[in-house]
Amino acid sequence: NRPRQAKPPPRPAAASAEQRVRRLFEAIVQDDPGLAAGVFFPREAFLLVKDIRDPGGYYDQLHTRFVADIHALHQRLPGLAQARFVRFDLAQRGGFVVEREEGNRLPYWASRHSFLVYETGGQTVRVEVRVLITWDDQWYVIHLNEFH
């Protein structure tokens, strides 16, 4: 996340994303956003990355939506009582987001349209995780669903 990088650093491995998404899955199953602490992009990093008016206010909006999305997914997803986490597929779609792109003062890697996969009652269910971005070499969720 250094400014003015001449070329992108290596894309971070998916391991940190899978660890976080496992916690996100438990938060959805239990309908407890508190279990997803550390899954959402850190506030301090967001304030450094975003070059917009009132980045703190925007962060609060995004985080409020993240919490609401966890509750909504708990209500909507089938078979959570018997659900078993299978894997997280971190999408290659997305790329290195440079300075000034998307209102940023610092660059980061983004992954769009990834999938959390779980099994329940003999069925496999895929749940989209809309956008993850990196801070240093760690992946964090920034949007669970489409955000307007």
Protein backbone atom coordinates (compact mmCIF):
# COMPACT_ATOMS: atom_id res chain seq x y z
CA ASN A 1 0.00 0.00 0.00
CA ARG A 2 2.88 2.36 -0.70
CA PRO A 3 2.15 5.49 -2.72
CA ARG A 4 3.61 5.85 -6.21
CA GLN A 5 4.52 2.20 -6.68
CA ALA A 6 6.06 1.74 -10.12
CA LYS A 7 4.58 -1.74 -10.42
CA PRO A 8 2.18 -3.80 -8.33
CA PRO A 9 3.61 -5.97 -5.57
CA PRO A 10 2.83 -9.68 -5.79
CA ARG A 11 -0.86 -10.45 -5.31
CA PRO A 12 -1.33 -11.64 -1.71
CA ALA A 13 -2.11 -15.31 -1.16
CA ALA A 14 -5.68 -16.36 -0.47
CA ALA A 15 -4.89 -17.80 2.99
CA SER A 16 -5.80 -14.66 4.97
CA ALA A 17 -9.02 -14.34 3.00
CA GLU A 18 -10.07 -17.91 3.78
CA GLN A 19 -9.34 -17.46 7.49
CA ARG A 20 -11.46 -14.33 7.60
CA VAL A 21 -14.28 -15.79 5.53
CA ARG A 22 -14.48 -18.79 7.87
CA ARG A 23 -15.18 -16.29 10.68
CA LEU A 24 -17.66 -14.47 8.46
CA PHE A 25 -19.44 -17.77 7.83
CA GLU A 26 -19.76 -18.40 11.57
CA ALA A 27 -21.12 -14.88 12.02
CA ILE A 28 -23.77 -15.58 9.36
CA VAL A 29 -24.66 -19.00 10.80
CA GLN A 30 -24.98 -17.59 14.33
CA ASP A 31 -26.54 -14.27 13.18
CA ASP A 32 -23.84 -12.54 15.21
CA PRO A 33 -21.81 -9.86 13.38
CA GLY A 34 -19.52 -9.66 16.41
CA LEU A 35 -18.04 -13.01 15.37
CA ALA A 36 -16.82 -11.29 12.19
CA ALA A 37 -14.57 -8.86 14.05
CA GLY A 38 -11.43 -8.43 12.00
CA VAL A 39 -13.07 -9.58 8.78
CA PHE A 40 -14.05 -6.12 7.58
CA PHE A 41 -11.35 -3.75 6.27
CA PRO A 42 -9.75 -1.93 9.24
CA ARG A 43 -10.98 1.61 9.89
CA GLU A 44 -7.49 3.07 10.45
CA ALA A 45 -6.31 1.69 7.11
CA PHE A 46 -9.46 2.92 5.35
CA LEU A 47 -8.83 6.46 6.59
CA LEU A 48 -5.32 6.29 5.12
CA VAL A 49 -6.41 4.74 1.81
CA LYS A 50 -9.41 6.90 0.92
CA ASP A 51 -8.89 10.38 -0.50
CA ILE A 52 -12.49 11.57 -0.27
CA ARG A 53 -14.46 14.02 1.81
CA ASP A 54 -15.39 12.43 5.16
CA PRO A 55 -13.81 8.99 4.74
CA GLY A 56 -14.85 8.15 8.31
CA GLY A 57 -18.51 8.75 7.51
CA TYR A 58 -18.25 6.62 4.39
CA TYR A 59 -16.52 3.87 6.37
CA ASP A 60 -19.35 3.92 8.90
CA GLN A 61 -21.89 3.51 6.07
CA LEU A 62 -19.98 0.56 4.63
CA HIS A 63 -19.59 -1.13 8.01
CA THR A 64 -23.27 -0.63 8.87
CA ARG A 65 -24.16 -2.26 5.56
CA PHE A 66 -21.76 -5.14 6.29
CA VAL A 67 -23.51 -5.82 9.62
CA ALA A 68 -26.95 -5.61 7.97
CA ASP A 69 -25.80 -7.99 5.23
CA ILE A 70 -24.75 -10.58 7.82
CA HIS A 71 -28.24 -10.46 9.34
CA ALA A 72 -29.88 -10.62 5.91
CA LEU A 73 -27.78 -13.59 4.83
CA HIS A 74 -28.67 -15.41 8.06
CA GLN A 75 -32.34 -14.97 7.21
CA ARG A 76 -32.01 -15.84 3.52
CA LEU A 77 -29.53 -18.70 3.26
CA PRO A 78 -30.84 -22.27 3.39
CA GLY A 79 -29.88 -24.93 5.92
CA LEU A 80 -27.60 -22.94 8.19
CA ALA A 81 -28.39 -25.12 11.21
CA GLN A 82 -26.63 -28.06 9.50
CA ALA A 83 -24.16 -26.03 7.43
CA ARG A 84 -20.51 -26.97 7.10
CA PHE A 85 -17.94 -24.58 5.63
CA VAL A 86 -16.25 -26.13 2.59
CA ARG A 87 -13.96 -23.50 1.09
CA PHE A 88 -13.51 -19.93 -0.07
CA ASP A 89 -12.83 -19.24 -3.74
CA LEU A 90 -10.94 -15.95 -3.99
CA ALA A 91 -11.67 -14.61 -7.46
CA GLN A 92 -8.97 -13.49 -9.85
CA ARG A 93 -11.41 -10.87 -11.15
CA GLY A 94 -10.30 -7.46 -10.00
CA GLY A 95 -6.75 -6.27 -9.95
CA PHE A 96 -4.34 -3.76 -8.58
CA VAL A 97 -6.13 -0.49 -7.85
CA VAL A 98 -3.70 2.40 -8.23
CA GLU A 99 -3.62 5.81 -6.57
CA ARG A 100 -6.48 8.15 -7.48
CA GLU A 101 -8.53 5.26 -8.85
CA GLU A 102 -11.76 4.77 -6.89
CA GLY A 103 -10.99 7.84 -4.76
CA ASN A 104 -7.83 6.38 -3.23
CA ARG A 105 -4.62 7.95 -2.08
CA LEU A 106 -2.97 4.54 -1.60
CA PRO A 107 -3.06 1.49 -3.88
CA TYR A 108 -4.33 -1.99 -3.03
CA TRP A 109 -5.30 -5.30 -4.58
CA ALA A 110 -9.01 -5.97 -5.11
CA SER A 111 -10.86 -9.22 -5.71
CA ARG A 112 -14.43 -9.03 -7.01
CA HIS A 113 -17.13 -11.71 -7.02
CA SER A 114 -15.50 -14.34 -4.81
CA PHE A 115 -17.50 -17.20 -3.30
CA LEU A 116 -17.92 -18.74 0.14
CA VAL A 117 -18.96 -22.38 -0.32
CA TYR A 118 -20.80 -24.48 2.26
CA GLU A 119 -22.67 -27.78 2.36
CA THR A 120 -25.98 -28.50 3.99
CA GLY A 121 -28.30 -31.48 3.66
CA GLY A 122 -26.29 -32.92 0.78
CA GLN A 123 -26.39 -29.67 -1.21
CA THR A 124 -23.58 -27.27 -2.00
CA VAL A 125 -24.41 -23.59 -1.61
CA ARG A 126 -22.31 -20.74 -3.01
CA VAL A 127 -22.53 -17.28 -1.44
CA GLU A 128 -21.00 -14.32 -3.24
CA VAL A 129 -18.62 -12.07 -1.33
CA ARG A 130 -18.71 -9.02 -3.59
CA VAL A 131 -15.38 -7.25 -2.92
CA LEU A 132 -12.27 -7.92 -0.86
CA ILE A 133 -9.31 -5.55 -0.76
CA THR A 134 -5.87 -5.75 0.77
CA TRP A 135 -4.00 -3.91 3.44
CA ASP A 136 -0.35 -4.93 3.39
CA ASP A 137 -0.53 -8.59 2.43
CA GLN A 138 -3.89 -9.38 4.07
CA TRP A 139 -7.32 -9.66 2.43
CA TYR A 140 -10.38 -8.04 4.04
CA VAL A 141 -14.03 -7.86 3.06
CA ILE A 142 -15.26 -4.39 2.09
CA HIS A 143 -18.59 -5.32 0.40
CA LEU A 144 -20.62 -8.47 1.01
CA ASN A 145 -23.27 -7.42 -1.50
CA GLU A 146 -23.59 -4.76 -4.13
CA PHE A 147 -23.41 -1.31 -2.53
CA HIS A 148 -25.00 1.80 -3.99
